[in-house]
Amino acid sequence: MIVSNGIDIVSVSSLEKVSNYKKIFTSNEMEYFDSHKSIQTKSGVYAAKEAVLKSLGVALNVYSLLLIEVVHINYKPFLKFYGELNEYIKKEGLEFSLSISHDEDYAIASVICYKVN
């Protein structure tokens, strides 16, 4: 059953101004960016993290963005969670579907939240 959805759009130029990506992206994501160097890719991952929080209906400062990780398997993005956010998602029986897209100037992510229990 679909519980909610979240969507976020990011101006690529706004992410270019970030001085410390380690506050936003996990070490695994940073490794992925080493082979996918475009700022649009980073912007899409950032949009995905914000879309997750919106799908949960929480303020963007409730959970650290480092508790959300976007992983790619055969070019398809999936979500992985850590810490107290992972515990909450397991307790609530939630699963997520993620789609990311970008062009030269903007990145967008859409998350659908499902209840599986």
PDB file of N, CA and C in Angstrom:
ATOM      1  N   MET A   1       0.838  -1.172   0.000  1.00  0.00           N
ATOM      2  CA  MET A   1       0.000   0.000   0.000  1.00  0.00           C
ATOM      3  C   MET A   1       0.893   1.248   0.000  1.00  0.00           C
ATOM      4  N   ILE A   2       0.588   2.180  -0.894  1.00  0.00           N
ATOM      5  CA  ILE A   2       1.332   3.438  -0.929  1.00  0.00           C
ATOM      6  C   ILE A   2       0.932   4.280   0.274  1.00  0.00           C
ATOM      7  N   VAL A   3       1.940   4.725   1.004  1.00  0.00           N
ATOM      8  CA  VAL A   3       1.712   5.554   2.183  1.00  0.00           C
ATOM      9  C   VAL A   3       1.831   7.024   1.818  1.00  0.00           C
ATOM     10  N   SER A   4       2.873   7.361   1.049  1.00  0.00           N
ATOM     11  CA  SER A   4       3.104   8.760   0.701  1.00  0.00           C
ATOM     12  C   SER A   4       4.115   8.851  -0.421  1.00  0.00           C
ATOM     13  N   ASN A   5       4.325  10.063  -0.879  1.00  0.00           N
ATOM     14  CA  ASN A   5       5.375  10.290  -1.855  1.00  0.00           C
ATOM     15  C   ASN A   5       6.099  11.578  -1.495  1.00  0.00           C
ATOM     16  N   GLY A   6       7.304  11.708  -2.025  1.00  0.00           N
ATOM     17  CA  GLY A   6       8.080  12.926  -1.835  1.00  0.00           C
ATOM     18  C   GLY A   6       8.793  13.246  -3.124  1.00  0.00           C
ATOM     19  N   ILE A   7       8.919  14.528  -3.404  1.00  0.00           N
ATOM     20  CA  ILE A   7       9.610  14.957  -4.614  1.00  0.00           C
ATOM     21  C   ILE A   7      10.473  16.156  -4.265  1.00  0.00           C
ATOM     22  N   ASP A   8      11.628  16.242  -4.909  1.00  0.00           N
ATOM     23  CA  ASP A   8      12.503  17.383  -4.674  1.00  0.00           C
ATOM     24  C   ASP A   8      13.217  17.738  -5.972  1.00  0.00           C
ATOM     25  N   ILE A   9      13.384  19.030  -6.191  1.00  0.00           N
ATOM     26  CA  ILE A   9      14.125  19.517  -7.342  1.00  0.00           C
ATOM     27  C   ILE A   9      15.256  20.402  -6.829  1.00  0.00           C
ATOM     28  N   VAL A  10      16.425  20.253  -7.432  1.00  0.00           N
ATOM     29  CA  VAL A  10      17.613  20.969  -6.985  1.00  0.00           C
ATOM     30  C   VAL A  10      18.217  21.707  -8.171  1.00  0.00           C
ATOM     31  N   SER A  11      18.547  22.953  -7.968  1.00  0.00           N
ATOM     32  CA  SER A  11      19.310  23.702  -8.950  1.00  0.00           C
ATOM     33  C   SER A  11      20.764  23.234  -8.869  1.00  0.00           C
ATOM     34  N   VAL A  12      21.300  22.772  -9.966  1.00  0.00           N
ATOM     35  CA  VAL A  12      22.670  22.257  -9.987  1.00  0.00           C
ATOM     36  C   VAL A  12      23.642  23.323  -9.495  1.00  0.00           C
ATOM     37  N   SER A  13      23.403  24.561  -9.856  1.00  0.00           N
ATOM     38  CA  SER A  13      24.323  25.632  -9.452  1.00  0.00           C
ATOM     39  C   SER A  13      24.360  25.817  -7.938  1.00  0.00           C
ATOM     40  N   SER A  14      23.262  25.502  -7.246  1.00  0.00           N
ATOM     41  CA  SER A  14      23.257  25.640  -5.783  1.00  0.00           C
ATOM     42  C   SER A  14      24.155  24.589  -5.129  1.00  0.00           C
ATOM     43  N   LEU A  15      24.253  23.411  -5.714  1.00  0.00           N
ATOM     44  CA  LEU A  15      25.111  22.371  -5.134  1.00  0.00           C
ATOM     45  C   LEU A  15      26.585  22.630  -5.447  1.00  0.00           C
ATOM     46  N   GLU A  16      26.849  23.362  -6.505  1.00  0.00           N
ATOM     47  CA  GLU A  16      28.231  23.717  -6.825  1.00  0.00           C
ATOM     48  C   GLU A  16      28.846  24.604  -5.746  1.00  0.00           C
ATOM     49  N   LYS A  17      28.001  25.275  -4.980  1.00  0.00           N
ATOM     50  CA  LYS A  17      28.472  26.201  -3.938  1.00  0.00           C
ATOM     51  C   LYS A  17      28.770  25.511  -2.603  1.00  0.00           C
ATOM     52  N   VAL A  18      28.430  24.231  -2.487  1.00  0.00           N
ATOM     53  CA  VAL A  18      28.649  23.500  -1.242  1.00  0.00           C
ATOM     54  C   VAL A  18      30.148  23.312  -1.023  1.00  0.00           C
ATOM     55  N   SER A  19      30.615  23.630   0.187  1.00  0.00           N
ATOM     56  CA  SER A  19      32.051  23.543   0.450  1.00  0.00           C
ATOM     57  C   SER A  19      32.469  22.203   1.067  1.00  0.00           C
ATOM     58  N   ASN A  20      31.535  21.502   1.732  1.00  0.00           N
ATOM     59  CA  ASN A  20      31.901  20.253   2.398  1.00  0.00           C
ATOM     60  C   ASN A  20      30.881  19.163   2.081  1.00  0.00           C
ATOM     61  N   TYR A  21      31.163  18.397   1.037  1.00  0.00           N
ATOM     62  CA  TYR A  21      30.240  17.339   0.630  1.00  0.00           C
ATOM     63  C   TYR A  21      30.151  16.214   1.660  1.00  0.00           C
ATOM     64  N   LYS A  22      31.124  16.106   2.546  1.00  0.00           N
ATOM     65  CA  LYS A  22      31.125  15.028   3.539  1.00  0.00           C
ATOM     66  C   LYS A  22      30.007  15.177   4.569  1.00  0.00           C
ATOM     67  N   LYS A  23      29.373  16.337   4.632  1.00  0.00           N
ATOM     68  CA  LYS A  23      28.226  16.534   5.522  1.00  0.00           C
ATOM     69  C   LYS A  23      26.926  16.078   4.873  1.00  0.00           C
ATOM     70  N   ILE A  24      26.985  15.817   3.571  1.00  0.00           N
ATOM     71  CA  ILE A  24      25.786  15.472   2.802  1.00  0.00           C
ATOM     72  C   ILE A  24      25.832  14.026   2.301  1.00  0.00           C
ATOM     73  N   PHE A  25      27.014  13.601   1.833  1.00  0.00           N
ATOM     74  CA  PHE A  25      27.135  12.323   1.146  1.00  0.00           C
ATOM     75  C   PHE A  25      27.982  11.329   1.932  1.00  0.00           C
ATOM     76  N   THR A  26      27.564  10.054   1.889  1.00  0.00           N
ATOM     77  CA  THR A  26      28.320   8.993   2.567  1.00  0.00           C
ATOM     78  C   THR A  26      29.615   8.716   1.800  1.00  0.00           C
ATOM     79  N   SER A  27      30.503   7.983   2.440  1.00  0.00           N
ATOM     80  CA  SER A  27      31.769   7.637   1.766  1.00  0.00           C
ATOM     81  C   SER A  27      31.512   6.776   0.534  1.00  0.00           C
ATOM     82  N   ASN A  28      30.515   5.907   0.575  1.00  0.00           N
ATOM     83  CA  ASN A  28      30.181   5.095  -0.604  1.00  0.00           C
ATOM     84  C   ASN A  28      29.683   5.967  -1.754  1.00  0.00           C
ATOM     85  N   GLU A  29      28.873   6.974  -1.434  1.00  0.00           N
ATOM     86  CA  GLU A  29      28.397   7.891  -2.470  1.00  0.00           C
ATOM     87  C   GLU A  29      29.564   8.682  -3.054  1.00  0.00           C
ATOM     88  N   MET A  30      30.483   9.122  -2.201  1.00  0.00           N
ATOM     89  CA  MET A  30      31.644   9.867  -2.680  1.00  0.00           C
ATOM     90  C   MET A  30      32.494   8.999  -3.619  1.00  0.00           C
ATOM     91  N   GLU A  31      32.612   7.710  -3.305  1.00  0.00           N
ATOM     92  CA  GLU A  31      33.312   6.779  -4.195  1.00  0.00           C
ATOM     93  C   GLU A  31      32.613   6.680  -5.547  1.00  0.00           C
ATOM     94  N   TYR A  32      31.287   6.587  -5.509  1.00  0.00           N
ATOM     95  CA  TYR A  32      30.505   6.524  -6.745  1.00  0.00           C
ATOM     96  C   TYR A  32      30.745   7.781  -7.584  1.00  0.00           C
ATOM     97  N   PHE A  33      30.811   8.928  -6.924  1.00  0.00           N
ATOM     98  CA  PHE A  33      31.027  10.185  -7.645  1.00  0.00           C
ATOM     99  C   PHE A  33      32.409  10.239  -8.287  1.00  0.00           C
ATOM    100  N   ASP A  34      33.363   9.497  -7.765  1.00  0.00           N
ATOM    101  CA  ASP A  34      34.692   9.453  -8.379  1.00  0.00           C
ATOM    102  C   ASP A  34      34.632   8.938  -9.817  1.00  0.00           C
ATOM    103  N   SER A  35      33.697   8.022 -10.058  1.00  0.00           N
ATOM    104  CA  SER A  35      33.566   7.480 -11.414  1.00  0.00           C
ATOM    105  C   SER A  35      32.439   8.158 -12.207  1.00  0.00           C
ATOM    106  N   HIS A  36      31.621   8.941 -11.533  1.00  0.00           N
ATOM    107  CA  HIS A  36      30.528   9.694 -12.176  1.00  0.00           C
ATOM    108  C   HIS A  36      30.684  11.150 -11.733  1.00  0.00           C
ATOM    109  N   LYS A  37      31.551  11.848 -12.380  1.00  0.00           N
ATOM    110  CA  LYS A  37      32.049  13.123 -11.890  1.00  0.00           C
ATOM    111  C   LYS A  37      31.110  14.314 -12.063  1.00  0.00           C
ATOM    112  N   SER A  38      29.996  14.167 -12.695  1.00  0.00           N
ATOM    113  CA  SER A  38      29.158  15.329 -12.974  1.00  0.00           C
ATOM    114  C   SER A  38      28.476  15.861 -11.703  1.00  0.00           C
ATOM    115  N   ILE A  39      28.389  17.164 -11.646  1.00  0.00           N
ATOM    116  CA  ILE A  39      27.685  17.811 -10.540  1.00  0.00           C
ATOM    117  C   ILE A  39      26.195  17.474 -10.607  1.00  0.00           C
ATOM    118  N   GLN A  40      25.701  17.159 -11.794  1.00  0.00           N
ATOM    119  CA  GLN A  40      24.297  16.767 -11.934  1.00  0.00           C
ATOM    120  C   GLN A  40      24.016  15.467 -11.182  1.00  0.00           C
ATOM    121  N   THR A  41      24.977  14.527 -11.193  1.00  0.00           N
ATOM    122  CA  THR A  41      24.806  13.277 -10.450  1.00  0.00           C
ATOM    123  C   THR A  41      24.720  13.552  -8.958  1.00  0.00           C
ATOM    124  N   LYS A  42      25.613  14.381  -8.441  1.00  0.00           N
ATOM    125  CA  LYS A  42      25.562  14.754  -7.022  1.00  0.00           C
ATOM    126  C   LYS A  42      24.233  15.429  -6.689  1.00  0.00           C
ATOM    127  N   SER A  43      23.797  16.299  -7.579  1.00  0.00           N
ATOM    128  CA  SER A  43      22.535  17.017  -7.346  1.00  0.00           C
ATOM    129  C   SER A  43      21.352  16.058  -7.296  1.00  0.00           C
ATOM    130  N   GLY A  44      21.362  15.042  -8.162  1.00  0.00           N
ATOM    131  CA  GLY A  44      20.283  14.056  -8.157  1.00  0.00           C
ATOM    132  C   GLY A  44      20.252  13.248  -6.880  1.00  0.00           C
ATOM    133  N   VAL A  45      21.410  12.868  -6.383  1.00  0.00           N
ATOM    134  CA  VAL A  45      21.485  12.113  -5.122  1.00  0.00           C
ATOM    135  C   VAL A  45      21.007  12.994  -3.961  1.00  0.00           C
ATOM    136  N   TYR A  46      21.418  14.242  -3.963  1.00  0.00           N
ATOM    137  CA  TYR A  46      20.959  15.170  -2.921  1.00  0.00           C
ATOM    138  C   TYR A  46      19.434  15.324  -2.964  1.00  0.00           C
ATOM    139  N   ALA A  47      18.884  15.493  -4.152  1.00  0.00           N
ATOM    140  CA  ALA A  47      17.431  15.609  -4.299  1.00  0.00           C
ATOM    141  C   ALA A  47      16.730  14.351  -3.784  1.00  0.00           C
ATOM    142  N   ALA A  48      17.330  13.184  -4.021  1.00  0.00           N
ATOM    143  CA  ALA A  48      16.740  11.924  -3.548  1.00  0.00           C
ATOM    144  C   ALA A  48      16.660  11.896  -2.027  1.00  0.00           C
ATOM    145  N   LYS A  49      17.709  12.350  -1.372  1.00  0.00           N
ATOM    146  CA  LYS A  49      17.725  12.349   0.096  1.00  0.00           C
ATOM    147  C   LYS A  49      16.630  13.259   0.652  1.00  0.00           C
ATOM    148  N   GLU A  50      16.480  14.434   0.061  1.00  0.00           N
ATOM    149  CA  GLU A  50      15.428  15.343   0.521  1.00  0.00           C
ATOM    150  C   GLU A  50      14.038  14.783   0.205  1.00  0.00           C
ATOM    151  N   ALA A  51      13.897  14.126  -0.935  1.00  0.00           N
ATOM    152  CA  ALA A  51      12.606  13.525  -1.290  1.00  0.00           C
ATOM    153  C   ALA A  51      12.218  12.422  -0.306  1.00  0.00           C
ATOM    154  N   VAL A  52      13.195  11.661   0.181  1.00  0.00           N
ATOM    155  CA  VAL A  52      12.922  10.637   1.190  1.00  0.00           C
ATOM    156  C   VAL A  52      12.328  11.280   2.440  1.00  0.00           C
ATOM    157  N   LEU A  53      12.967  12.332   2.925  1.00  0.00           N
ATOM    158  CA  LEU A  53      12.483  12.985   4.138  1.00  0.00           C
ATOM    159  C   LEU A  53      11.090  13.568   3.929  1.00  0.00           C
ATOM    160  N   LYS A  54      10.848  14.114   2.767  1.00  0.00           N
ATOM    161  CA  LYS A  54       9.507  14.635   2.468  1.00  0.00           C
ATOM    162  C   LYS A  54       8.477  13.507   2.434  1.00  0.00           C
ATOM    163  N   SER A  55       8.863  12.348   1.896  1.00  0.00           N
ATOM    164  CA  SER A  55       7.929  11.217   1.864  1.00  0.00           C
ATOM    165  C   SER A  55       7.594  10.732   3.268  1.00  0.00           C
ATOM    166  N   LEU A  56       8.526  10.929   4.195  1.00  0.00           N
ATOM    167  CA  LEU A  56       8.285  10.540   5.592  1.00  0.00           C
ATOM    168  C   LEU A  56       7.517  11.609   6.360  1.00  0.00           C
ATOM    169  N   GLY A  57       7.371  12.771   5.748  1.00  0.00           N
ATOM    170  CA  GLY A  57       6.619  13.848   6.394  1.00  0.00           C
ATOM    171  C   GLY A  57       7.360  14.490   7.553  1.00  0.00           C
ATOM    172  N   VAL A  58       8.685  14.486   7.495  1.00  0.00           N
ATOM    173  CA  VAL A  58       9.472  15.082   8.577  1.00  0.00           C
ATOM    174  C   VAL A  58      10.233  16.296   8.055  1.00  0.00           C
ATOM    175  N   ALA A  59      10.573  17.181   8.958  1.00  0.00           N
ATOM    176  CA  ALA A  59      11.380  18.340   8.591  1.00  0.00           C
ATOM    177  C   ALA A  59      12.746  17.872   8.100  1.00  0.00           C
ATOM    178  N   LEU A  60      13.345  18.668   7.256  1.00  0.00           N
ATOM    179  CA  LEU A  60      14.603  18.257   6.630  1.00  0.00           C
ATOM    180  C   LEU A  60      15.758  18.166   7.611  1.00  0.00           C
ATOM    181  N   ASN A  61      15.583  18.678   8.815  1.00  0.00           N
ATOM    182  CA  ASN A  61      16.660  18.601   9.811  1.00  0.00           C
ATOM    183  C   ASN A  61      16.425  17.534  10.883  1.00  0.00           C
ATOM    184  N   VAL A  62      15.400  16.719  10.729  1.00  0.00           N
ATOM    185  CA  VAL A  62      15.093  15.690  11.730  1.00  0.00           C
ATOM    186  C   VAL A  62      16.115  14.555  11.683  1.00  0.00           C
ATOM    187  N   TYR A  63      16.485  14.125  10.497  1.00  0.00           N
ATOM    188  CA  TYR A  63      17.477  13.063  10.325  1.00  0.00           C
ATOM    189  C   TYR A  63      18.644  13.601   9.501  1.00  0.00           C
ATOM    190  N   SER A  64      19.829  13.172   9.842  1.00  0.00           N
ATOM    191  CA  SER A  64      21.009  13.541   9.069  1.00  0.00           C
ATOM    192  C   SER A  64      20.920  12.935   7.671  1.00  0.00           C
ATOM    193  N   LEU A  65      21.349  13.692   6.680  1.00  0.00           N
ATOM    194  CA  LEU A  65      21.370  13.161   5.316  1.00  0.00           C
ATOM    195  C   LEU A  65      22.334  11.989   5.184  1.00  0.00           C
ATOM    196  N   LEU A  66      23.274  11.859   6.110  1.00  0.00           N
ATOM    197  CA  LEU A  66      24.218  10.747   6.074  1.00  0.00           C
ATOM    198  C   LEU A  66      23.577   9.416   6.472  1.00  0.00           C
ATOM    199  N   LEU A  67      22.359   9.462   7.005  1.00  0.00           N
ATOM    200  CA  LEU A  67      21.625   8.236   7.340  1.00  0.00           C
ATOM    201  C   LEU A  67      20.905   7.661   6.123  1.00  0.00           C
ATOM    202  N   ILE A  68      20.933   8.411   5.025  1.00  0.00           N
ATOM    203  CA  ILE A  68      20.307   7.991   3.765  1.00  0.00           C
ATOM    204  C   ILE A  68      21.410   7.845   2.736  1.00  0.00           C
ATOM    205  N   GLU A  69      21.435   6.690   2.083  1.00  0.00           N
ATOM    206  CA  GLU A  69      22.449   6.464   1.056  1.00  0.00           C
ATOM    207  C   GLU A  69      21.770   6.013  -0.237  1.00  0.00           C
ATOM    208  N   VAL A  70      22.178   6.612  -1.326  1.00  0.00           N
ATOM    209  CA  VAL A  70      21.686   6.197  -2.643  1.00  0.00           C
ATOM    210  C   VAL A  70      22.748   5.287  -3.251  1.00  0.00           C
ATOM    211  N   VAL A  71      22.339   4.071  -3.580  1.00  0.00           N
ATOM    212  CA  VAL A  71      23.237   3.116  -4.230  1.00  0.00           C
ATOM    213  C   VAL A  71      22.690   2.830  -5.629  1.00  0.00           C
ATOM    214  N   HIS A  72      23.580   2.523  -6.538  1.00  0.00           N
ATOM    215  CA  HIS A  72      23.177   2.238  -7.915  1.00  0.00           C
ATOM    216  C   HIS A  72      23.537   0.803  -8.260  1.00  0.00           C
ATOM    217  N   ILE A  73      22.539   0.070  -8.726  1.00  0.00           N
ATOM    218  CA  ILE A  73      22.742  -1.302  -9.178  1.00  0.00           C
ATOM    219  C   ILE A  73      22.263  -1.354 -10.620  1.00  0.00           C
ATOM    220  N   ASN A  74      23.202  -1.649 -11.529  1.00  0.00           N
ATOM    221  CA  ASN A  74      22.891  -1.622 -12.965  1.00  0.00           C
ATOM    222  C   ASN A  74      22.229  -0.309 -13.374  1.00  0.00           C
ATOM    223  N   TYR A  75      22.782   0.784 -12.878  1.00  0.00           N
ATOM    224  CA  TYR A  75      22.347   2.151 -13.178  1.00  0.00           C
ATOM    225  C   TYR A  75      21.018   2.541 -12.546  1.00  0.00           C
ATOM    226  N   LYS A  76      20.387   1.658 -11.811  1.00  0.00           N
ATOM    227  CA  LYS A  76      19.125   1.976 -11.141  1.00  0.00           C
ATOM    228  C   LYS A  76      19.411   2.383  -9.701  1.00  0.00           C
ATOM    229  N   PRO A  77      18.828   3.514  -9.253  1.00  0.00           N
ATOM    230  CA  PRO A  77      19.081   3.950  -7.879  1.00  0.00           C
ATOM    231  C   PRO A  77      18.186   3.228  -6.860  1.00  0.00           C
ATOM    232  N   PHE A  78      18.793   2.882  -5.735  1.00  0.00           N
ATOM    233  CA  PHE A  78      18.090   2.292  -4.609  1.00  0.00           C
ATOM    234  C   PHE A  78      18.486   3.047  -3.351  1.00  0.00           C
ATOM    235  N   LEU A  79      17.701   2.874  -2.300  1.00  0.00           N
ATOM    236  CA  LEU A  79      17.968   3.552  -1.034  1.00  0.00           C
ATOM    237  C   LEU A  79      18.428   2.575   0.028  1.00  0.00           C
ATOM    238  N   LYS A  80      19.382   3.021   0.822  1.00  0.00           N
ATOM    239  CA  LYS A  80      19.891   2.265   1.965  1.00  0.00           C
ATOM    240  C   LYS A  80      19.859   3.220   3.159  1.00  0.00           C
ATOM    241  N   PHE A  81      19.484   2.698   4.318  1.00  0.00           N
ATOM    242  CA  PHE A  81      19.327   3.546   5.493  1.00  0.00           C
ATOM    243  C   PHE A  81      20.200   3.064   6.640  1.00  0.00           C
ATOM    244  N   TYR A  82      20.536   3.995   7.521  1.00  0.00           N
ATOM    245  CA  TYR A  82      21.408   3.703   8.655  1.00  0.00           C
ATOM    246  C   TYR A  82      20.817   4.276   9.947  1.00  0.00           C
ATOM    247  N   GLY A  83      21.343   3.790  11.070  1.00  0.00           N
ATOM    248  CA  GLY A  83      21.053   4.360  12.384  1.00  0.00           C
ATOM    249  C   GLY A  83      19.587   4.380  12.752  1.00  0.00           C
ATOM    250  N   GLU A  84      19.210   5.454  13.438  1.00  0.00           N
ATOM    251  CA  GLU A  84      17.840   5.556  13.944  1.00  0.00           C
ATOM    252  C   GLU A  84      16.815   5.647  12.824  1.00  0.00           C
ATOM    253  N   LEU A  85      17.205   6.168  11.666  1.00  0.00           N
ATOM    254  CA  LEU A  85      16.276   6.207  10.534  1.00  0.00           C
ATOM    255  C   LEU A  85      16.007   4.791  10.034  1.00  0.00           C
ATOM    256  N   ASN A  86      17.020   3.972   9.942  1.00  0.00           N
ATOM    257  CA  ASN A  86      16.843   2.575   9.536  1.00  0.00           C
ATOM    258  C   ASN A  86      15.940   1.842  10.527  1.00  0.00           C
ATOM    259  N   GLU A  87      16.152   2.073  11.826  1.00  0.00           N
ATOM    260  CA  GLU A  87      15.312   1.434  12.854  1.00  0.00           C
ATOM    261  C   GLU A  87      13.853   1.843  12.693  1.00  0.00           C
ATOM    262  N   TYR A  88      13.607   3.123  12.467  1.00  0.00           N
ATOM    263  CA  TYR A  88      12.240   3.626  12.294  1.00  0.00           C
ATOM    264  C   TYR A  88      11.590   2.987  11.063  1.00  0.00           C
ATOM    265  N   ILE A  89      12.307   2.939   9.958  1.00  0.00           N
ATOM    266  CA  ILE A  89      11.759   2.388   8.716  1.00  0.00           C
ATOM    267  C   ILE A  89      11.424   0.907   8.881  1.00  0.00           C
ATOM    268  N   LYS A  90      12.294   0.159   9.546  1.00  0.00           N
ATOM    269  CA  LYS A  90      12.023  -1.261   9.795  1.00  0.00           C
ATOM    270  C   LYS A  90      10.808  -1.428  10.709  1.00  0.00           C
ATOM    271  N   LYS A  91      10.756  -0.625  11.776  1.00  0.00           N
ATOM    272  CA  LYS A  91       9.651  -0.717  12.739  1.00  0.00           C
ATOM    273  C   LYS A  91       8.307  -0.436  12.058  1.00  0.00           C
ATOM    274  N   GLU A  92       8.304   0.525  11.151  1.00  0.00           N
ATOM    275  CA  GLU A  92       7.064   0.911  10.463  1.00  0.00           C
ATOM    276  C   GLU A  92       6.753   0.027   9.259  1.00  0.00           C
ATOM    277  N   GLY A  93       7.699  -0.849   8.871  1.00  0.00           N
ATOM    278  CA  GLY A  93       7.486  -1.730   7.723  1.00  0.00           C
ATOM    279  C   GLY A  93       7.427  -0.981   6.401  1.00  0.00           C
ATOM    280  N   LEU A  94       8.340  -0.030   6.214  1.00  0.00           N
ATOM    281  CA  LEU A  94       8.321   0.805   5.017  1.00  0.00           C
ATOM    282  C   LEU A  94       9.349   0.352   3.984  1.00  0.00           C
ATOM    283  N   GLU A  95       8.997   0.527   2.734  1.00  0.00           N
ATOM    284  CA  GLU A  95       9.910   0.337   1.614  1.00  0.00           C
ATOM    285  C   GLU A  95       9.747   1.530   0.684  1.00  0.00           C
ATOM    286  N   PHE A  96      10.738   1.742  -0.191  1.00  0.00           N
ATOM    287  CA  PHE A  96      10.746   2.933  -1.017  1.00  0.00           C
ATOM    288  C   PHE A  96      11.078   2.605  -2.461  1.00  0.00           C
ATOM    289  N   SER A  97      10.508   3.373  -3.354  1.00  0.00           N
ATOM    290  CA  SER A  97      10.842   3.330  -4.769  1.00  0.00           C
ATOM    291  C   SER A  97      11.392   4.708  -5.125  1.00  0.00           C
ATOM    292  N   LEU A  98      12.506   4.733  -5.878  1.00  0.00           N
ATOM    293  CA  LEU A  98      13.201   5.987  -6.165  1.00  0.00           C
ATOM    294  C   LEU A  98      13.430   6.160  -7.657  1.00  0.00           C
ATOM    295  N   SER A  99      13.213   7.369  -8.130  1.00  0.00           N
ATOM    296  CA  SER A  99      13.549   7.736  -9.495  1.00  0.00           C
ATOM    297  C   SER A  99      14.281   9.072  -9.465  1.00  0.00           C
ATOM    298  N   ILE A 100      15.372   9.165 -10.222  1.00  0.00           N
ATOM    299  CA  ILE A 100      16.177  10.385 -10.287  1.00  0.00           C
ATOM    300  C   ILE A 100      16.364  10.764 -11.751  1.00  0.00           C
ATOM    301  N   SER A 101      16.281  12.060 -12.029  1.00  0.00           N
ATOM    302  CA  SER A 101      16.559  12.546 -13.374  1.00  0.00           C
ATOM    303  C   SER A 101      17.250  13.906 -13.268  1.00  0.00           C
ATOM    304  N   HIS A 102      18.012  14.251 -14.293  1.00  0.00           N
ATOM    305  CA  HIS A 102      18.647  15.562 -14.297  1.00  0.00           C
ATOM    306  C   HIS A 102      18.948  16.006 -15.717  1.00  0.00           C
ATOM    307  N   ASP A 103      19.089  17.319 -15.852  1.00  0.00           N
ATOM    308  CA  ASP A 103      19.597  17.896 -17.085  1.00  0.00           C
ATOM    309  C   ASP A 103      20.740  18.816 -16.696  1.00  0.00           C
ATOM    310  N   GLU A 104      21.079  19.725 -17.543  1.00  0.00           N
ATOM    311  CA  GLU A 104      22.233  20.580 -17.270  1.00  0.00           C
ATOM    312  C   GLU A 104      22.038  21.469 -16.044  1.00  0.00           C
ATOM    313  N   ASP A 105      20.814  21.959 -15.827  1.00  0.00           N
ATOM    314  CA  ASP A 105      20.570  22.957 -14.785  1.00  0.00           C
ATOM    315  C   ASP A 105      19.856  22.456 -13.539  1.00  0.00           C
ATOM    316  N   TYR A 106      19.110  21.363 -13.642  1.00  0.00           N
ATOM    317  CA  TYR A 106      18.297  20.893 -12.517  1.00  0.00           C
ATOM    318  C   TYR A 106      18.373  19.372 -12.373  1.00  0.00           C
ATOM    319  N   ALA A 107      18.195  18.934 -11.136  1.00  0.00           N
ATOM    320  CA  ALA A 107      18.053  17.508 -10.844  1.00  0.00           C
ATOM    321  C   ALA A 107      16.763  17.339 -10.052  1.00  0.00           C
ATOM    322  N   ILE A 108      16.080  16.233 -10.282  1.00  0.00           N
ATOM    323  CA  ILE A 108      14.815  15.977  -9.606  1.00  0.00           C
ATOM    324  C   ILE A 108      14.797  14.527  -9.144  1.00  0.00           C
ATOM    325  N   ALA A 109      14.162  14.299  -8.004  1.00  0.00           N
ATOM    326  CA  ALA A 109      14.005  12.939  -7.494  1.00  0.00           C
ATOM    327  C   ALA A 109      12.582  12.763  -6.986  1.00  0.00           C
ATOM    328  N   SER A 110      12.062  11.581  -7.215  1.00  0.00           N
ATOM    329  CA  SER A 110      10.735  11.221  -6.737  1.00  0.00           C
ATOM    330  C   SER A 110      10.842   9.937  -5.933  1.00  0.00           C
ATOM    331  N   VAL A 111      10.233   9.931  -4.750  1.00  0.00           N
ATOM    332  CA  VAL A 111      10.247   8.773  -3.858  1.00  0.00           C
ATOM    333  C   VAL A 111       8.812   8.389  -3.532  1.00  0.00           C
ATOM    334  N   ILE A 112       8.504   7.121  -3.677  1.00  0.00           N
ATOM    335  CA  ILE A 112       7.218   6.590  -3.239  1.00  0.00           C
ATOM    336  C   ILE A 112       7.483   5.690  -2.049  1.00  0.00           C
ATOM    337  N   CYS A 113       6.739   5.926  -0.991  1.00  0.00           N
ATOM    338  CA  CYS A 113       6.874   5.178   0.253  1.00  0.00           C
ATOM    339  C   CYS A 113       5.736   4.167   0.356  1.00  0.00           C
ATOM    340  N   TYR A 114       6.093   2.889   0.581  1.00  0.00           N
ATOM    341  CA  TYR A 114       5.122   1.796   0.676  1.00  0.00           C
ATOM    342  C   TYR A 114       5.145   1.196   2.072  1.00  0.00           C
ATOM    343  N   LYS A 115       3.986   0.784   2.536  1.00  0.00           N
ATOM    344  CA  LYS A 115       3.898   0.012   3.776  1.00  0.00           C
ATOM    345  C   LYS A 115       3.777  -1.443   3.383  1.00  0.00           C
ATOM    346  N   VAL A 116       4.691  -2.290   3.909  1.00  0.00           N
ATOM    347  CA  VAL A 116       4.690  -3.700   3.513  1.00  0.00           C
ATOM    348  C   VAL A 116       4.130  -4.619   4.596  1.00  0.00           C
ATOM    349  N   ASN A 117       3.903  -4.105   5.790  1.00  0.00           N
ATOM    350  CA  ASN A 117       3.351  -4.964   6.861  1.00  0.00           C
ATOM    351  C   ASN A 117       1.865  -4.763   6.994  1.00  0.00           C
TER     352      ASN A 117
END
